[in-house]
Amino acid sequence: MKNNKTEAVKMNKNVKQIEVRSYTLPASWASYLINGDATGLGVEEEGRIDNFLASQRLDYAVSCTEEARFSRQNDAHTGLADDVLDYSFLVEAAE
């Protein structure tokens, strides 16, 4: 009888591990981060978001919290007190 656990490990050897990273970011970024919709964002704001995503090696967010909260800080260090949400991103896990 084959050991199913061993078989699964052999089959998944080439599968990349994914982890979830969470970031607290402005609520006004939600549509762009999740859907890629920049409607309502200025060119400067869109550039700020793109720079943050590139610096963290992130793509689009896969989810965010539903209730915004007011905060003086966020992970993008925008320097503005604003409503924020917690966004989740899928990233390739470090080996």
Protein backbone atom coordinates (compact mmCIF):
# COMPACT_ATOMS: atom_id res chain seq x y z
CA MET A 1 0.00 0.00 0.00
CA LYS A 2 1.34 3.43 -0.95
CA ASN A 3 1.69 6.12 1.65
CA ASN A 4 -0.64 8.91 0.45
CA LYS A 5 1.27 11.54 2.41
CA THR A 6 4.55 10.68 0.67
CA GLU A 7 2.83 10.63 -2.72
CA ALA A 8 1.36 14.08 -2.11
CA VAL A 9 4.77 15.48 -1.19
CA LYS A 10 6.31 14.07 -4.36
CA MET A 11 3.51 15.50 -6.49
CA ASN A 12 3.76 18.95 -4.90
CA LYS A 13 7.53 19.25 -5.11
CA ASN A 14 7.35 21.79 -7.94
CA VAL A 15 4.40 23.74 -6.54
CA LYS A 16 5.31 27.18 -5.23
CA GLN A 17 4.25 28.00 -1.71
CA ILE A 18 1.98 31.02 -1.34
CA GLU A 19 1.55 33.14 1.74
CA VAL A 20 -0.81 35.95 2.65
CA ARG A 21 0.60 39.34 3.58
CA SER A 22 -1.56 42.05 5.09
CA TYR A 23 -1.03 45.79 4.81
CA THR A 24 -2.94 48.72 6.29
CA LEU A 25 -3.47 51.19 3.46
CA PRO A 26 -5.81 54.09 2.60
CA ALA A 27 -9.43 53.06 2.05
CA SER A 28 -9.53 55.28 -1.05
CA TRP A 29 -7.10 52.85 -2.71
CA ALA A 30 -9.50 49.86 -2.50
CA SER A 31 -10.91 49.97 -6.03
CA TYR A 32 -7.45 50.28 -7.57
CA LEU A 33 -5.79 47.66 -5.36
CA ILE A 34 -8.49 45.05 -5.82
CA ASN A 35 -10.00 45.78 -9.25
CA GLY A 36 -7.32 47.84 -10.99
CA ASP A 37 -9.85 50.68 -11.35
CA ALA A 38 -8.12 54.05 -11.04
CA THR A 39 -11.36 56.06 -11.45
CA GLY A 40 -11.30 58.96 -9.01
CA LEU A 41 -7.54 58.80 -8.43
CA GLY A 42 -5.24 61.48 -9.70
CA VAL A 43 -2.13 60.60 -11.68
CA GLU A 44 0.03 61.42 -8.67
CA GLU A 45 -2.01 59.18 -6.35
CA GLU A 46 -1.96 56.32 -8.85
CA GLY A 47 1.82 56.67 -9.10
CA ARG A 48 2.12 56.59 -5.30
CA ILE A 49 0.16 53.32 -5.21
CA ASP A 50 2.20 51.79 -8.03
CA ASN A 51 5.44 52.76 -6.28
CA PHE A 52 4.26 51.15 -3.04
CA LEU A 53 3.24 47.94 -4.83
CA ALA A 54 6.59 47.77 -6.65
CA SER A 55 8.58 48.42 -3.46
CA GLN A 56 6.81 45.53 -1.73
CA ARG A 57 6.77 43.30 -4.84
CA LEU A 58 2.99 43.04 -4.73
CA ASP A 59 0.33 42.62 -7.37
CA TYR A 60 -3.36 43.25 -6.75
CA ALA A 61 -4.97 42.72 -3.35
CA VAL A 62 -7.24 39.69 -3.07
CA SER A 63 -9.40 41.08 -0.27
CA CYS A 64 -9.79 43.83 2.30
CA THR A 65 -11.67 44.45 5.50
CA GLU A 66 -15.20 45.78 5.10
CA GLU A 67 -15.14 48.44 7.80
CA ALA A 68 -12.75 51.38 7.42
CA ARG A 69 -11.20 52.94 10.49
CA PHE A 70 -9.47 56.27 10.95
CA SER A 71 -5.71 56.17 11.42
CA ARG A 72 -2.82 58.60 11.43
CA GLN A 73 -0.51 55.95 9.97
CA ASN A 74 -0.53 53.34 7.23
CA ASP A 75 1.99 50.95 5.71
CA ALA A 76 2.51 53.17 2.65
CA HIS A 77 3.63 56.06 4.91
CA THR A 78 1.52 58.59 3.01
CA GLY A 79 1.84 61.05 5.88
CA LEU A 80 -1.88 61.72 5.86
CA ALA A 81 -4.42 60.82 8.52
CA ASP A 82 -7.17 58.99 6.67
CA ASP A 83 -9.61 56.10 6.69
CA VAL A 84 -7.73 52.82 6.22
CA LEU A 85 -8.51 49.20 5.45
CA ASP A 86 -6.46 46.04 5.93
CA TYR A 87 -5.66 44.53 2.52
CA SER A 88 -4.53 40.96 1.87
CA PHE A 89 -2.08 40.10 -0.89
CA LEU A 90 -0.94 36.67 -2.06
CA VAL A 91 2.83 36.42 -2.49
CA GLU A 92 5.26 33.65 -3.23
CA ALA A 93 6.71 32.39 0.04
CA ALA A 94 10.44 32.74 0.62
CA GLU A 95 12.23 29.39 0.55
